[in-house]
Amino acid sequence: NIDAKFAGMKVYFDNAVIKNGHATVNLNVSFAGVELYVPKNWRVDNQMSASFGGVEEKNRNNGADGPILTLRGNVSLGGVTILYV
């Protein structure tokens, strides 16, 4: 779970291991910016809702065959950036 309010946050998954091929992260972002750094071979399933905010992906690898990271939750008056590293 990630809860960011009135702040900036960077979360690095570059050394994380997903067992069973699937993981879920619940985000609650309000008046904040969150940067998620994920390995290039991961697939991100974005199920976020955004009100006056957004979710952006950078350096996406469309041919990725790796584990799935599902993002759920809400973004209001803020933003989530997914950066593939």
N, C-alpha and C. Protein backbone atom coordinates (compact mmCIF):
# COMPACT_ATOMS: atom_id res chain seq x y z
N ASN A 1 0.83 -1.19 0.00
CA ASN A 1 0.00 0.00 0.00
C ASN A 1 0.88 1.25 0.00
N ILE A 2 0.48 2.21 -0.84
CA ILE A 2 1.20 3.48 -0.90
C ILE A 2 0.18 4.59 -0.68
N ASP A 3 0.41 5.41 0.32
CA ASP A 3 -0.47 6.51 0.66
C ASP A 3 0.35 7.79 0.64
N ALA A 4 0.11 8.66 -0.35
CA ALA A 4 0.88 9.91 -0.48
C ALA A 4 -0.07 11.09 -0.50
N LYS A 5 0.13 12.00 0.44
CA LYS A 5 -0.70 13.20 0.52
C LYS A 5 0.21 14.41 0.75
N PHE A 6 0.05 15.41 -0.09
CA PHE A 6 0.80 16.67 0.02
C PHE A 6 2.31 16.43 0.07
N ALA A 7 2.79 15.49 -0.76
CA ALA A 7 4.22 15.17 -0.74
C ALA A 7 4.64 14.56 -2.07
N GLY A 8 5.92 14.30 -2.19
CA GLY A 8 6.46 13.56 -3.31
C GLY A 8 7.04 12.26 -2.81
N MET A 9 6.93 11.21 -3.63
CA MET A 9 7.41 9.91 -3.19
C MET A 9 8.01 9.17 -4.39
N LYS A 10 9.13 8.49 -4.14
CA LYS A 10 9.75 7.64 -5.15
C LYS A 10 9.83 6.23 -4.57
N VAL A 11 9.33 5.25 -5.35
CA VAL A 11 9.33 3.86 -4.90
C VAL A 11 10.08 3.04 -5.94
N TYR A 12 11.10 2.32 -5.50
CA TYR A 12 11.95 1.54 -6.40
C TYR A 12 11.65 0.05 -6.26
N PHE A 13 11.23 -0.56 -7.38
CA PHE A 13 10.98 -1.99 -7.43
C PHE A 13 12.08 -2.72 -8.19
N ASP A 14 13.17 -2.04 -8.51
CA ASP A 14 14.20 -2.62 -9.37
C ASP A 14 14.87 -3.86 -8.78
N ASN A 15 14.89 -4.02 -7.47
CA ASN A 15 15.46 -5.22 -6.86
C ASN A 15 14.40 -6.14 -6.27
N ALA A 16 13.13 -5.85 -6.55
CA ALA A 16 12.04 -6.66 -6.02
C ALA A 16 11.85 -7.93 -6.85
N VAL A 17 11.36 -8.96 -6.20
CA VAL A 17 11.06 -10.22 -6.87
C VAL A 17 9.57 -10.50 -6.67
N ILE A 18 8.85 -10.73 -7.77
CA ILE A 18 7.43 -11.05 -7.69
C ILE A 18 7.29 -12.57 -7.76
N LYS A 19 6.81 -13.15 -6.66
CA LYS A 19 6.58 -14.59 -6.65
C LYS A 19 5.21 -14.87 -7.25
N ASN A 20 5.06 -16.00 -7.88
CA ASN A 20 3.80 -16.42 -8.52
C ASN A 20 3.42 -15.56 -9.71
N GLY A 21 4.29 -14.65 -10.16
CA GLY A 21 4.06 -13.90 -11.39
C GLY A 21 3.08 -12.75 -11.32
N HIS A 22 2.54 -12.44 -10.14
CA HIS A 22 1.58 -11.34 -10.05
C HIS A 22 1.65 -10.67 -8.68
N ALA A 23 1.58 -9.33 -8.67
CA ALA A 23 1.54 -8.56 -7.43
C ALA A 23 0.62 -7.36 -7.63
N THR A 24 0.05 -6.87 -6.54
CA THR A 24 -0.85 -5.71 -6.58
C THR A 24 -0.35 -4.64 -5.63
N VAL A 25 -0.36 -3.39 -6.11
CA VAL A 25 -0.02 -2.24 -5.28
C VAL A 25 -1.25 -1.35 -5.23
N ASN A 26 -1.70 -1.01 -4.02
CA ASN A 26 -2.81 -0.10 -3.82
C ASN A 26 -2.26 1.28 -3.53
N LEU A 27 -2.70 2.28 -4.34
CA LEU A 27 -2.21 3.64 -4.18
C LEU A 27 -3.35 4.59 -3.83
N ASN A 28 -3.07 5.50 -2.93
CA ASN A 28 -3.98 6.59 -2.61
C ASN A 28 -3.15 7.86 -2.68
N VAL A 29 -3.29 8.61 -3.78
CA VAL A 29 -2.44 9.77 -4.04
C VAL A 29 -3.32 11.02 -4.10
N SER A 30 -3.03 11.98 -3.23
CA SER A 30 -3.82 13.20 -3.15
C SER A 30 -2.90 14.40 -2.98
N PHE A 31 -2.97 15.35 -3.91
CA PHE A 31 -2.10 16.54 -3.89
C PHE A 31 -0.63 16.13 -3.80
N ALA A 32 -0.25 15.08 -4.51
CA ALA A 32 1.09 14.54 -4.41
C ALA A 32 1.55 13.99 -5.75
N GLY A 33 2.84 13.70 -5.83
CA GLY A 33 3.42 13.05 -6.99
C GLY A 33 4.15 11.79 -6.56
N VAL A 34 3.89 10.68 -7.26
CA VAL A 34 4.53 9.40 -6.95
C VAL A 34 5.23 8.90 -8.20
N GLU A 35 6.49 8.50 -8.05
CA GLU A 35 7.26 7.89 -9.14
C GLU A 35 7.52 6.44 -8.77
N LEU A 36 7.10 5.52 -9.65
CA LEU A 36 7.32 4.10 -9.45
C LEU A 36 8.37 3.63 -10.45
N TYR A 37 9.47 3.08 -9.98
CA TYR A 37 10.55 2.57 -10.83
C TYR A 37 10.42 1.05 -10.88
N VAL A 38 10.08 0.52 -12.06
CA VAL A 38 9.87 -0.91 -12.21
C VAL A 38 10.81 -1.47 -13.28
N PRO A 39 11.19 -2.74 -13.16
CA PRO A 39 12.05 -3.35 -14.19
C PRO A 39 11.37 -3.36 -15.56
N LYS A 40 12.16 -3.22 -16.61
CA LYS A 40 11.62 -3.17 -17.98
C LYS A 40 10.87 -4.43 -18.38
N ASN A 41 11.22 -5.57 -17.79
CA ASN A 41 10.55 -6.80 -18.20
C ASN A 41 9.21 -7.03 -17.49
N TRP A 42 8.82 -6.15 -16.58
CA TRP A 42 7.53 -6.27 -15.91
C TRP A 42 6.43 -5.68 -16.79
N ARG A 43 5.24 -6.22 -16.65
CA ARG A 43 4.05 -5.64 -17.28
C ARG A 43 3.23 -4.96 -16.20
N VAL A 44 2.79 -3.75 -16.45
CA VAL A 44 2.00 -3.00 -15.48
C VAL A 44 0.56 -2.94 -15.98
N ASP A 45 -0.35 -3.40 -15.13
CA ASP A 45 -1.78 -3.35 -15.40
C ASP A 45 -2.34 -2.18 -14.61
N ASN A 46 -2.58 -1.07 -15.29
CA ASN A 46 -3.02 0.16 -14.64
C ASN A 46 -4.54 0.16 -14.49
N GLN A 47 -5.02 0.03 -13.26
CA GLN A 47 -6.44 0.07 -12.96
C GLN A 47 -6.76 1.25 -12.04
N MET A 48 -5.93 2.29 -12.14
CA MET A 48 -6.09 3.48 -11.30
C MET A 48 -7.23 4.36 -11.80
N SER A 49 -7.87 5.07 -10.88
CA SER A 49 -8.85 6.10 -11.21
C SER A 49 -8.21 7.45 -10.94
N ALA A 50 -8.44 8.42 -11.84
CA ALA A 50 -7.82 9.74 -11.67
C ALA A 50 -8.86 10.84 -11.77
N SER A 51 -8.84 11.75 -10.79
CA SER A 51 -9.66 12.95 -10.80
C SER A 51 -8.74 14.15 -10.72
N PHE A 52 -8.72 14.95 -11.76
CA PHE A 52 -7.83 16.12 -11.83
C PHE A 52 -6.37 15.71 -11.60
N GLY A 53 -6.00 14.57 -12.15
CA GLY A 53 -4.65 14.06 -12.05
C GLY A 53 -4.44 13.03 -13.14
N GLY A 54 -3.36 12.28 -13.06
CA GLY A 54 -3.13 11.29 -14.10
C GLY A 54 -2.05 10.30 -13.76
N VAL A 55 -1.98 9.28 -14.64
CA VAL A 55 -0.97 8.23 -14.54
C VAL A 55 -0.25 8.19 -15.87
N GLU A 56 1.09 8.27 -15.82
CA GLU A 56 1.90 8.34 -17.04
C GLU A 56 2.96 7.23 -17.00
N GLU A 57 3.24 6.65 -18.18
CA GLU A 57 4.29 5.63 -18.30
C GLU A 57 5.42 6.16 -19.17
N LYS A 58 6.66 5.87 -18.76
CA LYS A 58 7.84 6.29 -19.52
C LYS A 58 8.75 5.09 -19.74
N ASN A 59 9.33 4.98 -20.94
CA ASN A 59 10.27 3.92 -21.32
C ASN A 59 9.64 2.54 -21.33
N ARG A 60 8.37 2.46 -21.67
CA ARG A 60 7.64 1.19 -21.65
C ARG A 60 8.20 0.21 -22.66
N ASN A 61 8.27 -1.06 -22.26
CA ASN A 61 8.72 -2.14 -23.12
C ASN A 61 7.49 -2.98 -23.49
N ASN A 62 6.94 -2.80 -24.70
CA ASN A 62 5.71 -3.46 -25.10
C ASN A 62 5.83 -4.96 -25.25
N GLY A 63 7.01 -5.48 -25.49
CA GLY A 63 7.18 -6.91 -25.67
C GLY A 63 7.45 -7.65 -24.38
N ALA A 64 7.28 -7.00 -23.26
CA ALA A 64 7.62 -7.60 -21.96
C ALA A 64 6.83 -8.87 -21.73
N ASP A 65 7.54 -9.82 -21.13
CA ASP A 65 7.00 -11.14 -20.90
C ASP A 65 7.05 -11.51 -19.43
N GLY A 66 7.42 -10.58 -18.59
CA GLY A 66 7.68 -10.86 -17.18
C GLY A 66 6.44 -10.84 -16.32
N PRO A 67 6.64 -10.72 -15.02
CA PRO A 67 5.53 -10.72 -14.07
C PRO A 67 4.64 -9.49 -14.24
N ILE A 68 3.43 -9.58 -13.69
CA ILE A 68 2.44 -8.50 -13.82
C ILE A 68 2.34 -7.77 -12.48
N LEU A 69 2.42 -6.43 -12.56
CA LEU A 69 2.20 -5.57 -11.41
C LEU A 69 0.90 -4.81 -11.65
N THR A 70 -0.10 -5.06 -10.83
CA THR A 70 -1.39 -4.38 -10.97
C THR A 70 -1.42 -3.18 -10.03
N LEU A 71 -1.79 -2.02 -10.59
CA LEU A 71 -1.92 -0.80 -9.80
C LEU A 71 -3.40 -0.49 -9.63
N ARG A 72 -3.83 -0.34 -8.38
CA ARG A 72 -5.22 -0.01 -8.07
C ARG A 72 -5.24 1.18 -7.13
N GLY A 73 -6.32 1.94 -7.17
CA GLY A 73 -6.47 3.04 -6.25
C GLY A 73 -6.90 4.31 -6.95
N ASN A 74 -6.65 5.44 -6.29
CA ASN A 74 -7.11 6.74 -6.75
C ASN A 74 -5.99 7.77 -6.76
N VAL A 75 -6.09 8.65 -7.76
CA VAL A 75 -5.21 9.82 -7.84
C VAL A 75 -6.12 11.03 -7.96
N SER A 76 -5.99 11.97 -7.02
CA SER A 76 -6.76 13.21 -7.14
C SER A 76 -5.83 14.39 -6.92
N LEU A 77 -5.86 15.31 -7.88
CA LEU A 77 -5.02 16.49 -7.84
C LEU A 77 -3.53 16.13 -7.64
N GLY A 78 -3.11 15.12 -8.37
CA GLY A 78 -1.73 14.67 -8.29
C GLY A 78 -1.37 13.82 -9.49
N GLY A 79 -0.28 13.10 -9.40
CA GLY A 79 0.14 12.29 -10.52
C GLY A 79 0.97 11.10 -10.10
N VAL A 80 0.89 10.04 -10.92
CA VAL A 80 1.72 8.85 -10.74
C VAL A 80 2.48 8.66 -12.05
N THR A 81 3.80 8.51 -11.94
CA THR A 81 4.64 8.25 -13.11
C THR A 81 5.27 6.88 -12.93
N ILE A 82 5.11 6.03 -13.95
CA ILE A 82 5.71 4.70 -13.96
C ILE A 82 6.93 4.78 -14.88
N LEU A 83 8.11 4.54 -14.31
CA LEU A 83 9.35 4.59 -15.09
C LEU A 83 9.94 3.21 -15.16
N TYR A 84 10.15 2.72 -16.39
CA TYR A 84 10.74 1.40 -16.60
C TYR A 84 12.26 1.54 -16.62
N VAL A 85 12.94 0.78 -15.76
CA VAL A 85 14.40 0.86 -15.66
C VAL A 85 15.04 -0.48 -15.95
